[in-house]
Amino acid sequence: MTIGVTGGIASGKSAVARAFAAHDVPWIDADDVAREIVEPGEPALAEIAAHFGNEVLDADGRLDRRRLRAIVFADADERAWLESVTHPRVRERLLTHLERMRESGAPYHLLVSPLLFESGQHRLVDRCLVVDVPQALQLARTTSRDGVDDAQARAIVAAQMPRDERLARADDVIDNGGDFDALAAQVARLDARYRAIAATPTRQTGDPS
C-alpha cells in the first residue's frame, strides 16, 4: 500500500517521514527525485538553462534553485512551463522507486510530495496524508529555513494549493504545530491503522495510470 504524504512548504513532511521510518516504513521523497532530474547532464537541466538562460546556473553548472525559485514564484506562466518540463520526468522515476518499495515486503510505504495533488501524483497512492500547520508557523519556518524574506515566503505559500482545499482532500491529517513527542504519537497511531488496512484483502490499490 502506498501512502501519499503532502502539506504546504515547511509543514514538516520530512520530519513525518522520519517518524514513520522509525517504524521501519520505507519512503521516497519527490523533492529528492526532482533534484535528481536537474543534475548536470540531465536533459531537464539543459531545457531549463535554454529557457531561462545561464543565470539560473551556478559557477559549477548546477541549477541555482534559489534564483530559479525567485523567477517562477513571481510568474505563474514561467512556473507552469517549468512544471511541464519536470513533472513528467519526476513521475516516471517515482514509478520506478515505488515498484522497488512494493517489492521490499513492507506492508506499506510513503510517497512524500509537496505537490501530491497539483502534479497528479495522488493517483499513484492509496491514501493521502496531509501534514498541517497554521500559516503563521509555516511562514516563520520558511523564512528561517530557506533564507527568504516574508514577501517571498508568502508568494510561495500563495502559489500552493490552499490549506482548506488540501485538508478537504485528505484521508488522514497530522497536526504538526506541536513538539516532536506529539508528532511521534500521531505517527504511531497511523502506523497501526495503515498496517491494519494493508492487511485487509479487499483494499484498493493506487492507480498507476
N, C-alpha and C. Protein backbone atom coordinates (compact mmCIF):
# COMPACT_ATOMS: atom_id res chain seq x y z
N MET A 1 0.85 -1.19 0.00
CA MET A 1 0.00 0.00 0.00
C MET A 1 0.89 1.24 0.00
N THR A 2 0.51 2.22 -0.78
CA THR A 2 1.26 3.47 -0.86
C THR A 2 0.47 4.58 -0.19
N ILE A 3 1.11 5.28 0.74
CA ILE A 3 0.52 6.43 1.41
C ILE A 3 1.18 7.68 0.86
N GLY A 4 0.39 8.59 0.32
CA GLY A 4 0.92 9.87 -0.14
C GLY A 4 0.94 10.86 1.01
N VAL A 5 2.10 11.46 1.26
CA VAL A 5 2.25 12.43 2.34
C VAL A 5 2.50 13.80 1.71
N THR A 6 1.66 14.76 2.04
CA THR A 6 1.81 16.08 1.47
C THR A 6 1.51 17.15 2.51
N GLY A 7 1.73 18.39 2.13
CA GLY A 7 1.50 19.53 3.01
C GLY A 7 2.17 20.74 2.41
N GLY A 8 1.83 21.90 2.91
CA GLY A 8 2.44 23.12 2.41
C GLY A 8 3.92 23.18 2.75
N ILE A 9 4.60 24.17 2.18
CA ILE A 9 6.02 24.35 2.45
C ILE A 9 6.24 24.50 3.95
N ALA A 10 7.30 23.86 4.44
CA ALA A 10 7.72 23.95 5.84
C ALA A 10 6.69 23.39 6.82
N SER A 11 5.84 22.49 6.34
CA SER A 11 4.87 21.87 7.24
C SER A 11 5.49 20.73 8.04
N GLY A 12 6.63 20.23 7.59
CA GLY A 12 7.29 19.15 8.32
C GLY A 12 7.10 17.78 7.72
N LYS A 13 6.98 17.71 6.40
CA LYS A 13 6.75 16.42 5.73
C LYS A 13 7.92 15.45 5.96
N SER A 14 9.14 15.96 5.89
CA SER A 14 10.30 15.09 6.08
C SER A 14 10.37 14.59 7.51
N ALA A 15 10.02 15.43 8.47
CA ALA A 15 10.00 15.00 9.87
C ALA A 15 8.99 13.88 10.07
N VAL A 16 7.85 14.00 9.42
CA VAL A 16 6.84 12.95 9.49
C VAL A 16 7.37 11.66 8.87
N ALA A 17 8.03 11.77 7.72
CA ALA A 17 8.58 10.58 7.06
C ALA A 17 9.62 9.90 7.95
N ARG A 18 10.47 10.69 8.61
CA ARG A 18 11.47 10.10 9.50
C ARG A 18 10.81 9.42 10.70
N ALA A 19 9.70 9.99 11.17
CA ALA A 19 8.98 9.36 12.28
C ALA A 19 8.39 8.02 11.85
N PHE A 20 7.88 7.94 10.62
CA PHE A 20 7.40 6.66 10.11
C PHE A 20 8.56 5.68 9.91
N ALA A 21 9.70 6.19 9.48
CA ALA A 21 10.87 5.33 9.27
C ALA A 21 11.29 4.63 10.56
N ALA A 22 11.03 5.27 11.71
CA ALA A 22 11.32 4.64 12.99
C ALA A 22 10.48 3.40 13.22
N HIS A 23 9.39 3.26 12.44
CA HIS A 23 8.54 2.07 12.47
C HIS A 23 8.87 1.14 11.29
N ASP A 24 10.06 1.33 10.71
CA ASP A 24 10.53 0.51 9.58
C ASP A 24 9.67 0.66 8.34
N VAL A 25 9.20 1.87 8.10
CA VAL A 25 8.41 2.16 6.91
C VAL A 25 9.30 2.83 5.87
N PRO A 26 9.46 2.25 4.68
CA PRO A 26 10.28 2.88 3.64
C PRO A 26 9.57 4.06 3.01
N TRP A 27 10.35 5.01 2.46
CA TRP A 27 9.74 6.19 1.85
C TRP A 27 10.63 6.75 0.76
N ILE A 28 9.98 7.47 -0.15
CA ILE A 28 10.68 8.20 -1.20
C ILE A 28 10.13 9.62 -1.22
N ASP A 29 11.02 10.59 -1.39
CA ASP A 29 10.64 12.00 -1.40
C ASP A 29 10.69 12.51 -2.83
N ALA A 30 9.56 13.00 -3.32
CA ALA A 30 9.51 13.53 -4.69
C ALA A 30 10.46 14.70 -4.88
N ASP A 31 10.74 15.45 -3.82
CA ASP A 31 11.71 16.55 -3.93
C ASP A 31 13.10 16.03 -4.25
N ASP A 32 13.47 14.88 -3.65
CA ASP A 32 14.77 14.29 -3.96
C ASP A 32 14.84 13.87 -5.43
N VAL A 33 13.76 13.30 -5.92
CA VAL A 33 13.70 12.90 -7.33
C VAL A 33 13.75 14.14 -8.23
N ALA A 34 13.07 15.20 -7.81
CA ALA A 34 13.09 16.45 -8.59
C ALA A 34 14.50 17.02 -8.69
N ARG A 35 15.30 16.82 -7.65
CA ARG A 35 16.70 17.26 -7.70
C ARG A 35 17.52 16.38 -8.63
N GLU A 36 17.22 15.07 -8.62
CA GLU A 36 17.94 14.13 -9.49
C GLU A 36 17.81 14.52 -10.96
N ILE A 37 16.61 14.90 -11.37
CA ILE A 37 16.37 15.11 -12.80
C ILE A 37 16.96 16.42 -13.32
N VAL A 38 17.47 17.28 -12.44
CA VAL A 38 18.10 18.52 -12.89
C VAL A 38 19.59 18.54 -12.55
N GLU A 39 20.16 17.35 -12.33
CA GLU A 39 21.60 17.26 -12.14
C GLU A 39 22.30 17.55 -13.47
N PRO A 40 23.56 18.01 -13.43
CA PRO A 40 24.31 18.23 -14.67
C PRO A 40 24.31 16.99 -15.55
N GLY A 41 24.05 17.19 -16.84
CA GLY A 41 23.98 16.09 -17.78
C GLY A 41 22.58 15.59 -18.03
N GLU A 42 21.63 15.99 -17.18
CA GLU A 42 20.25 15.56 -17.37
C GLU A 42 19.57 16.46 -18.40
N PRO A 43 18.72 15.87 -19.26
CA PRO A 43 18.04 16.67 -20.29
C PRO A 43 17.22 17.82 -19.72
N ALA A 44 16.59 17.62 -18.56
CA ALA A 44 15.75 18.67 -17.99
C ALA A 44 16.57 19.92 -17.67
N LEU A 45 17.79 19.73 -17.19
CA LEU A 45 18.62 20.90 -16.86
C LEU A 45 18.96 21.67 -18.12
N ALA A 46 19.25 20.98 -19.20
CA ALA A 46 19.56 21.66 -20.46
C ALA A 46 18.36 22.46 -20.95
N GLU A 47 17.16 21.90 -20.83
CA GLU A 47 15.96 22.62 -21.24
C GLU A 47 15.72 23.86 -20.39
N ILE A 48 15.94 23.72 -19.10
CA ILE A 48 15.73 24.85 -18.19
C ILE A 48 16.73 25.97 -18.48
N ALA A 49 17.98 25.61 -18.69
CA ALA A 49 19.00 26.62 -18.99
C ALA A 49 18.73 27.30 -20.32
N ALA A 50 18.24 26.54 -21.29
CA ALA A 50 17.93 27.13 -22.59
C ALA A 50 16.75 28.10 -22.49
N HIS A 51 15.82 27.80 -21.61
CA HIS A 51 14.63 28.64 -21.48
C HIS A 51 14.90 29.89 -20.64
N PHE A 52 15.55 29.71 -19.49
CA PHE A 52 15.74 30.83 -18.57
C PHE A 52 17.10 31.52 -18.73
N GLY A 53 18.02 30.87 -19.41
CA GLY A 53 19.35 31.43 -19.54
C GLY A 53 20.29 30.90 -18.47
N ASN A 54 21.59 31.08 -18.71
CA ASN A 54 22.59 30.55 -17.79
C ASN A 54 22.57 31.23 -16.42
N GLU A 55 21.79 32.28 -16.28
CA GLU A 55 21.70 32.95 -14.98
C GLU A 55 21.09 32.04 -13.91
N VAL A 56 20.42 30.95 -14.32
CA VAL A 56 19.86 30.04 -13.33
C VAL A 56 20.84 28.90 -13.01
N LEU A 57 22.07 29.01 -13.51
CA LEU A 57 23.11 28.04 -13.20
C LEU A 57 24.16 28.69 -12.33
N ASP A 58 24.79 27.90 -11.45
CA ASP A 58 25.86 28.45 -10.64
C ASP A 58 27.19 28.27 -11.36
N ALA A 59 28.27 28.61 -10.68
CA ALA A 59 29.59 28.59 -11.33
C ALA A 59 30.01 27.18 -11.74
N ASP A 60 29.43 26.15 -11.10
CA ASP A 60 29.76 24.76 -11.42
C ASP A 60 28.81 24.15 -12.45
N GLY A 61 27.90 24.98 -12.98
CA GLY A 61 26.96 24.47 -13.96
C GLY A 61 25.79 23.73 -13.38
N ARG A 62 25.61 23.84 -12.07
CA ARG A 62 24.47 23.21 -11.41
C ARG A 62 23.32 24.22 -11.30
N LEU A 63 22.13 23.70 -11.12
CA LEU A 63 20.96 24.56 -11.03
C LEU A 63 21.02 25.41 -9.76
N ASP A 64 20.85 26.71 -9.93
CA ASP A 64 20.74 27.62 -8.79
C ASP A 64 19.27 27.66 -8.40
N ARG A 65 18.90 26.80 -7.48
CA ARG A 65 17.49 26.61 -7.15
C ARG A 65 16.87 27.87 -6.55
N ARG A 66 17.66 28.61 -5.78
CA ARG A 66 17.11 29.81 -5.17
C ARG A 66 16.78 30.86 -6.24
N ARG A 67 17.66 31.02 -7.21
CA ARG A 67 17.41 32.00 -8.27
C ARG A 67 16.22 31.58 -9.13
N LEU A 68 16.16 30.29 -9.45
CA LEU A 68 15.04 29.81 -10.25
C LEU A 68 13.73 29.96 -9.49
N ARG A 69 13.76 29.67 -8.21
CA ARG A 69 12.55 29.80 -7.40
C ARG A 69 12.03 31.23 -7.39
N ALA A 70 12.95 32.20 -7.30
CA ALA A 70 12.55 33.60 -7.29
C ALA A 70 11.84 33.97 -8.60
N ILE A 71 12.29 33.37 -9.70
CA ILE A 71 11.69 33.67 -11.01
C ILE A 71 10.29 33.06 -11.11
N VAL A 72 10.19 31.77 -10.81
CA VAL A 72 8.93 31.07 -11.10
C VAL A 72 7.83 31.39 -10.09
N PHE A 73 8.19 31.79 -8.88
CA PHE A 73 7.14 32.15 -7.94
C PHE A 73 6.68 33.60 -8.10
N ALA A 74 7.34 34.31 -9.01
CA ALA A 74 6.90 35.66 -9.36
C ALA A 74 6.12 35.68 -10.67
N ASP A 75 6.07 34.52 -11.37
CA ASP A 75 5.44 34.47 -12.68
C ASP A 75 4.77 33.11 -12.85
N ALA A 76 3.45 33.09 -12.82
CA ALA A 76 2.71 31.83 -12.90
C ALA A 76 2.93 31.11 -14.23
N ASP A 77 3.11 31.86 -15.32
CA ASP A 77 3.33 31.22 -16.61
C ASP A 77 4.68 30.50 -16.63
N GLU A 78 5.69 31.13 -16.06
CA GLU A 78 7.01 30.50 -16.03
C GLU A 78 6.98 29.27 -15.12
N ARG A 79 6.23 29.34 -14.03
CA ARG A 79 6.12 28.19 -13.15
C ARG A 79 5.43 27.04 -13.88
N ALA A 80 4.40 27.35 -14.64
CA ALA A 80 3.68 26.32 -15.40
C ALA A 80 4.60 25.68 -16.43
N TRP A 81 5.43 26.50 -17.09
CA TRP A 81 6.37 25.94 -18.07
C TRP A 81 7.35 24.99 -17.39
N LEU A 82 7.89 25.42 -16.26
CA LEU A 82 8.85 24.59 -15.53
C LEU A 82 8.22 23.27 -15.13
N GLU A 83 6.99 23.32 -14.65
CA GLU A 83 6.31 22.09 -14.24
C GLU A 83 6.06 21.17 -15.42
N SER A 84 5.82 21.74 -16.60
CA SER A 84 5.59 20.90 -17.78
C SER A 84 6.85 20.13 -18.17
N VAL A 85 8.00 20.67 -17.81
CA VAL A 85 9.28 20.00 -18.09
C VAL A 85 9.61 18.97 -17.01
N THR A 86 9.37 19.33 -15.76
CA THR A 86 9.84 18.48 -14.66
C THR A 86 8.84 17.41 -14.22
N HIS A 87 7.55 17.72 -14.17
CA HIS A 87 6.60 16.79 -13.59
C HIS A 87 6.56 15.43 -14.29
N PRO A 88 6.54 15.35 -15.64
CA PRO A 88 6.52 14.02 -16.26
C PRO A 88 7.77 13.20 -15.94
N ARG A 89 8.92 13.87 -15.88
CA ARG A 89 10.16 13.14 -15.58
C ARG A 89 10.17 12.67 -14.12
N VAL A 90 9.69 13.50 -13.22
CA VAL A 90 9.62 13.10 -11.81
C VAL A 90 8.69 11.90 -11.67
N ARG A 91 7.54 11.95 -12.32
CA ARG A 91 6.57 10.85 -12.22
C ARG A 91 7.15 9.54 -12.72
N GLU A 92 7.88 9.59 -13.83
CA GLU A 92 8.47 8.38 -14.39
C GLU A 92 9.44 7.73 -13.41
N ARG A 93 10.26 8.55 -12.76
CA ARG A 93 11.22 7.98 -11.81
C ARG A 93 10.55 7.54 -10.52
N LEU A 94 9.51 8.25 -10.13
CA LEU A 94 8.78 7.83 -8.94
C LEU A 94 8.18 6.44 -9.12
N LEU A 95 7.65 6.18 -10.30
CA LEU A 95 7.08 4.87 -10.57
C LEU A 95 8.11 3.76 -10.37
N THR A 96 9.35 4.02 -10.78
CA THR A 96 10.42 3.04 -10.60
C THR A 96 10.70 2.82 -9.12
N HIS A 97 10.82 3.93 -8.37
CA HIS A 97 11.08 3.83 -6.93
C HIS A 97 9.94 3.12 -6.20
N LEU A 98 8.70 3.44 -6.56
CA LEU A 98 7.56 2.82 -5.89
C LEU A 98 7.51 1.32 -6.15
N GLU A 99 7.85 0.90 -7.35
CA GLU A 99 7.86 -0.52 -7.66
C GLU A 99 8.89 -1.25 -6.81
N ARG A 100 10.05 -0.62 -6.61
CA ARG A 100 11.08 -1.24 -5.77
C ARG A 100 10.60 -1.36 -4.33
N MET A 101 9.89 -0.34 -3.83
CA MET A 101 9.40 -0.41 -2.46
C MET A 101 8.31 -1.45 -2.32
N ARG A 102 7.49 -1.62 -3.35
CA ARG A 102 6.45 -2.65 -3.29
C ARG A 102 7.08 -4.05 -3.19
N GLU A 103 8.27 -4.20 -3.75
CA GLU A 103 8.95 -5.49 -3.72
C GLU A 103 9.72 -5.71 -2.42
N SER A 104 9.73 -4.70 -1.53
CA SER A 104 10.53 -4.78 -0.31
C SER A 104 9.89 -5.67 0.75
N GLY A 105 8.59 -5.93 0.63
CA GLY A 105 7.91 -6.75 1.62
C GLY A 105 7.29 -5.97 2.75
N ALA A 106 7.51 -4.64 2.80
CA ALA A 106 6.89 -3.81 3.84
C ALA A 106 5.38 -3.75 3.60
N PRO A 107 4.57 -3.70 4.66
CA PRO A 107 3.11 -3.66 4.47
C PRO A 107 2.64 -2.40 3.78
N TYR A 108 3.39 -1.31 3.95
CA TYR A 108 3.07 -0.07 3.25
C TYR A 108 4.32 0.80 3.17
N HIS A 109 4.26 1.82 2.33
CA HIS A 109 5.39 2.73 2.17
C HIS A 109 4.84 4.12 1.86
N LEU A 110 5.73 5.11 1.88
CA LEU A 110 5.31 6.51 1.73
C LEU A 110 5.86 7.12 0.45
N LEU A 111 5.02 7.92 -0.19
CA LEU A 111 5.45 8.84 -1.23
C LEU A 111 5.25 10.25 -0.67
N VAL A 112 6.35 10.92 -0.36
CA VAL A 112 6.30 12.26 0.21
C VAL A 112 6.42 13.27 -0.93
N SER A 113 5.43 14.15 -1.06
CA SER A 113 5.43 15.08 -2.18
C SER A 113 4.70 16.36 -1.83
N PRO A 114 5.36 17.52 -1.96
CA PRO A 114 4.67 18.79 -1.70
C PRO A 114 3.58 19.08 -2.72
N LEU A 115 3.69 18.47 -3.90
CA LEU A 115 2.72 18.72 -4.98
C LEU A 115 1.94 17.45 -5.31
N LEU A 116 1.60 16.71 -4.28
CA LEU A 116 0.92 15.43 -4.48
C LEU A 116 -0.35 15.60 -5.30
N PHE A 117 -1.17 16.59 -4.95
CA PHE A 117 -2.42 16.82 -5.66
C PHE A 117 -2.20 17.60 -6.95
N GLU A 118 -1.39 18.65 -6.87
CA GLU A 118 -1.21 19.54 -8.03
C GLU A 118 -0.57 18.82 -9.21
N SER A 119 0.32 17.88 -8.94
CA SER A 119 1.05 17.18 -10.01
C SER A 119 0.32 15.93 -10.50
N GLY A 120 -0.77 15.56 -9.83
CA GLY A 120 -1.46 14.33 -10.19
C GLY A 120 -0.86 13.09 -9.55
N GLN A 121 0.15 13.26 -8.68
CA GLN A 121 0.78 12.11 -8.05
C GLN A 121 -0.15 11.40 -7.07
N HIS A 122 -1.26 12.05 -6.67
CA HIS A 122 -2.22 11.39 -5.79
C HIS A 122 -2.82 10.15 -6.45
N ARG A 123 -2.76 10.10 -7.79
CA ARG A 123 -3.28 8.93 -8.50
C ARG A 123 -2.37 7.70 -8.31
N LEU A 124 -1.17 7.91 -7.78
CA LEU A 124 -0.24 6.81 -7.57
C LEU A 124 -0.37 6.19 -6.18
N VAL A 125 -1.22 6.75 -5.33
CA VAL A 125 -1.28 6.32 -3.94
C VAL A 125 -2.65 5.79 -3.56
N ASP A 126 -2.71 5.10 -2.42
CA ASP A 126 -3.96 4.53 -1.92
C ASP A 126 -4.66 5.45 -0.93
N ARG A 127 -3.87 6.19 -0.15
CA ARG A 127 -4.42 7.13 0.83
C ARG A 127 -3.56 8.39 0.83
N CYS A 128 -4.18 9.52 1.17
CA CYS A 128 -3.48 10.79 1.21
C CYS A 128 -3.43 11.30 2.65
N LEU A 129 -2.21 11.51 3.15
CA LEU A 129 -1.98 12.02 4.49
C LEU A 129 -1.48 13.45 4.38
N VAL A 130 -2.22 14.39 4.95
CA VAL A 130 -1.83 15.80 4.91
C VAL A 130 -1.19 16.19 6.24
N VAL A 131 0.00 16.80 6.15
CA VAL A 131 0.68 17.36 7.32
C VAL A 131 0.29 18.82 7.39
N ASP A 132 -0.34 19.21 8.48
CA ASP A 132 -0.93 20.55 8.57
C ASP A 132 -0.30 21.36 9.69
N VAL A 133 -0.05 22.65 9.40
CA VAL A 133 0.41 23.61 10.41
C VAL A 133 -0.29 24.94 10.15
N PRO A 134 -0.44 25.78 11.17
CA PRO A 134 -1.00 27.11 10.94
C PRO A 134 -0.10 27.92 10.00
N GLN A 135 -0.71 28.79 9.20
CA GLN A 135 0.07 29.53 8.21
C GLN A 135 1.14 30.40 8.85
N ALA A 136 0.88 30.99 9.99
CA ALA A 136 1.88 31.84 10.64
C ALA A 136 3.15 31.04 10.95
N LEU A 137 2.98 29.81 11.42
CA LEU A 137 4.13 28.95 11.70
C LEU A 137 4.82 28.53 10.41
N GLN A 138 4.04 28.27 9.40
CA GLN A 138 4.57 27.91 8.09
C GLN A 138 5.48 29.01 7.54
N LEU A 139 5.00 30.26 7.61
CA LEU A 139 5.79 31.39 7.12
C LEU A 139 7.06 31.57 7.94
N ALA A 140 6.96 31.45 9.26
CA ALA A 140 8.14 31.61 10.12
C ALA A 140 9.19 30.55 9.82
N ARG A 141 8.76 29.32 9.64
CA ARG A 141 9.70 28.24 9.32
C ARG A 141 10.34 28.45 7.96
N THR A 142 9.56 28.92 6.98
CA THR A 142 10.09 29.12 5.63
C THR A 142 11.16 30.20 5.60
N THR A 143 10.89 31.33 6.25
CA THR A 143 11.88 32.42 6.24
C THR A 143 13.14 32.01 6.99
N SER A 144 12.99 31.25 8.06
CA SER A 144 14.14 30.82 8.84
C SER A 144 14.95 29.75 8.12
N ARG A 145 14.27 28.78 7.55
CA ARG A 145 14.94 27.64 6.92
C ARG A 145 15.56 27.97 5.58
N ASP A 146 14.80 28.71 4.74
CA ASP A 146 15.21 28.92 3.35
C ASP A 146 15.90 30.25 3.11
N GLY A 147 15.96 31.11 4.12
CA GLY A 147 16.64 32.38 3.94
C GLY A 147 15.95 33.33 2.99
N VAL A 148 14.63 33.26 2.93
CA VAL A 148 13.85 34.17 2.08
C VAL A 148 13.16 35.18 2.97
N ASP A 149 12.74 36.29 2.36
CA ASP A 149 12.03 37.29 3.16
C ASP A 149 10.55 36.92 3.25
N ASP A 150 9.83 37.70 4.04
CA ASP A 150 8.42 37.38 4.29
C ASP A 150 7.60 37.43 3.01
N ALA A 151 7.90 38.41 2.14
CA ALA A 151 7.13 38.56 0.91
C ALA A 151 7.29 37.33 0.02
N GLN A 152 8.53 36.83 -0.10
CA GLN A 152 8.74 35.66 -0.95
C GLN A 152 8.11 34.42 -0.31
N ALA A 153 8.20 34.31 1.01
CA ALA A 153 7.57 33.18 1.69
C ALA A 153 6.06 33.17 1.44
N ARG A 154 5.45 34.36 1.50
CA ARG A 154 4.01 34.45 1.26
C ARG A 154 3.67 34.11 -0.19
N ALA A 155 4.55 34.50 -1.13
CA ALA A 155 4.32 34.18 -2.54
C ALA A 155 4.37 32.67 -2.77
N ILE A 156 5.30 32.00 -2.08
CA ILE A 156 5.40 30.55 -2.22
C ILE A 156 4.14 29.88 -1.66
N VAL A 157 3.71 30.31 -0.49
CA VAL A 157 2.50 29.74 0.12
C VAL A 157 1.29 29.99 -0.77
N ALA A 158 1.18 31.20 -1.32
CA ALA A 158 0.04 31.55 -2.17
C ALA A 158 0.00 30.74 -3.44
N ALA A 159 1.18 30.31 -3.92
CA ALA A 159 1.24 29.54 -5.17
C ALA A 159 0.85 28.08 -4.96
N GLN A 160 0.81 27.64 -3.72
CA GLN A 160 0.46 26.26 -3.44
C GLN A 160 -1.05 26.12 -3.26
N MET A 161 -1.49 24.88 -3.23
CA MET A 161 -2.91 24.62 -3.02
C MET A 161 -3.36 25.23 -1.69
N PRO A 162 -4.51 25.90 -1.67
CA PRO A 162 -4.99 26.47 -0.41
C PRO A 162 -5.12 25.42 0.68
N ARG A 163 -4.82 25.84 1.89
CA ARG A 163 -4.83 24.91 3.03
C ARG A 163 -6.16 24.19 3.17
N ASP A 164 -7.27 24.92 3.06
CA ASP A 164 -8.59 24.31 3.22
C ASP A 164 -8.85 23.24 2.17
N GLU A 165 -8.44 23.51 0.94
CA GLU A 165 -8.66 22.53 -0.13
C GLU A 165 -7.82 21.28 0.10
N ARG A 166 -6.57 21.48 0.53
CA ARG A 166 -5.70 20.34 0.80
C ARG A 166 -6.30 19.46 1.91
N LEU A 167 -6.78 20.09 2.97
CA LEU A 167 -7.37 19.34 4.08
C LEU A 167 -8.64 18.61 3.64
N ALA A 168 -9.41 19.23 2.76
CA ALA A 168 -10.65 18.61 2.28
C ALA A 168 -10.37 17.33 1.48
N ARG A 169 -9.19 17.24 0.89
CA ARG A 169 -8.85 16.09 0.06
C ARG A 169 -8.09 15.01 0.83
N ALA A 170 -7.85 15.26 2.11
CA ALA A 170 -7.07 14.33 2.92
C ALA A 170 -7.91 13.14 3.38
N ASP A 171 -7.28 11.96 3.39
CA ASP A 171 -7.85 10.80 4.08
C ASP A 171 -7.48 10.84 5.55
N ASP A 172 -6.29 11.36 5.84
CA ASP A 172 -5.79 11.45 7.20
C ASP A 172 -5.03 12.76 7.35
N VAL A 173 -4.97 13.28 8.58
CA VAL A 173 -4.29 14.55 8.84
C VAL A 173 -3.40 14.41 10.07
N ILE A 174 -2.20 14.97 9.98
CA ILE A 174 -1.31 15.10 11.13
C ILE A 174 -1.17 16.58 11.44
N ASP A 175 -1.40 16.94 12.69
CA ASP A 175 -1.19 18.31 13.15
C ASP A 175 0.26 18.42 13.62
N ASN A 176 1.07 19.15 12.86
CA ASN A 176 2.49 19.28 13.18
C ASN A 176 2.81 20.65 13.77
N GLY A 177 1.86 21.22 14.49
CA GLY A 177 2.10 22.50 15.12
C GLY A 177 2.68 22.38 16.52
N GLY A 178 2.84 21.14 17.00
CA GLY A 178 3.36 20.93 18.34
C GLY A 178 4.79 20.43 18.35
N ASP A 179 5.16 19.70 19.41
CA ASP A 179 6.53 19.21 19.54
C ASP A 179 6.67 17.82 18.92
N PHE A 180 7.90 17.28 18.98
CA PHE A 180 8.16 16.00 18.33
C PHE A 180 7.40 14.87 19.00
N ASP A 181 7.24 14.91 20.32
CA ASP A 181 6.51 13.84 21.00
C ASP A 181 5.07 13.76 20.51
N ALA A 182 4.45 14.91 20.30
CA ALA A 182 3.07 14.93 19.79
C ALA A 182 3.02 14.36 18.38
N LEU A 183 4.02 14.71 17.58
CA LEU A 183 4.10 14.18 16.21
C LEU A 183 4.29 12.67 16.23
N ALA A 184 5.21 12.19 17.04
CA ALA A 184 5.50 10.76 17.10
C ALA A 184 4.28 9.96 17.54
N ALA A 185 3.50 10.51 18.46
CA ALA A 185 2.30 9.80 18.92
C ALA A 185 1.28 9.66 17.80
N GLN A 186 1.11 10.72 17.01
CA GLN A 186 0.18 10.66 15.88
C GLN A 186 0.65 9.65 14.84
N VAL A 187 1.95 9.64 14.58
CA VAL A 187 2.51 8.70 13.61
C VAL A 187 2.32 7.26 14.08
N ALA A 188 2.52 7.01 15.36
CA ALA A 188 2.34 5.65 15.89
C ALA A 188 0.91 5.17 15.69
N ARG A 189 -0.06 6.06 15.92
CA ARG A 189 -1.46 5.67 15.73
C ARG A 189 -1.74 5.38 14.26
N LEU A 190 -1.21 6.22 13.38
CA LEU A 190 -1.44 6.00 11.95
C LEU A 190 -0.73 4.74 11.46
N ASP A 191 0.45 4.48 11.98
CA ASP A 191 1.17 3.27 11.59
C ASP A 191 0.32 2.04 11.88
N ALA A 192 -0.28 1.99 13.07
CA ALA A 192 -1.14 0.85 13.42
C ALA A 192 -2.34 0.77 12.48
N ARG A 193 -2.93 1.92 12.15
CA ARG A 193 -4.08 1.93 11.25
C ARG A 193 -3.69 1.46 9.86
N TYR A 194 -2.56 1.95 9.34
CA TYR A 194 -2.16 1.59 7.98
C TYR A 194 -1.81 0.10 7.88
N ARG A 195 -1.19 -0.44 8.93
CA ARG A 195 -0.87 -1.87 8.90
C ARG A 195 -2.15 -2.71 8.88
N ALA A 196 -3.15 -2.24 9.61
CA ALA A 196 -4.43 -2.96 9.61
C ALA A 196 -5.10 -2.87 8.24
N ILE A 197 -5.06 -1.69 7.62
CA ILE A 197 -5.68 -1.52 6.30
C ILE A 197 -4.94 -2.37 5.26
N ALA A 198 -3.60 -2.36 5.33
CA ALA A 198 -2.80 -3.11 4.36
C ALA A 198 -3.06 -4.60 4.44
N ALA A 199 -3.47 -5.06 5.63
CA ALA A 199 -3.74 -6.48 5.81
C ALA A 199 -5.13 -6.89 5.35
N THR A 200 -5.95 -5.90 4.95
CA THR A 200 -7.31 -6.18 4.50
C THR A 200 -7.30 -6.59 3.04
N PRO A 201 -7.75 -7.78 2.70
CA PRO A 201 -7.65 -8.28 1.31
C PRO A 201 -8.40 -7.44 0.29
N THR A 202 -9.47 -6.74 0.70
CA THR A 202 -10.31 -6.04 -0.26
C THR A 202 -9.91 -4.59 -0.49
N ARG A 203 -8.78 -4.13 0.09
CA ARG A 203 -8.40 -2.73 -0.06
C ARG A 203 -8.10 -2.41 -1.52
N GLN A 204 -8.27 -1.13 -1.86
CA GLN A 204 -7.98 -0.65 -3.22
C GLN A 204 -6.50 -0.30 -3.32
N THR A 205 -5.96 -0.47 -4.51
CA THR A 205 -4.57 -0.09 -4.76
C THR A 205 -4.51 1.17 -5.59
N GLY A 206 -3.36 1.85 -5.55
CA GLY A 206 -3.21 3.09 -6.31
C GLY A 206 -3.31 2.88 -7.79
N ASP A 207 -3.78 3.85 -8.50
CA ASP A 207 -3.95 3.79 -9.95
C ASP A 207 -2.70 4.34 -10.60
N PRO A 208 -1.89 3.50 -11.28
CA PRO A 208 -0.64 3.97 -11.87
C PRO A 208 -0.81 4.68 -13.20
N SER A 209 -2.06 4.88 -13.63
CA SER A 209 -2.28 5.46 -14.97
C SER A 209 -2.03 6.95 -14.97
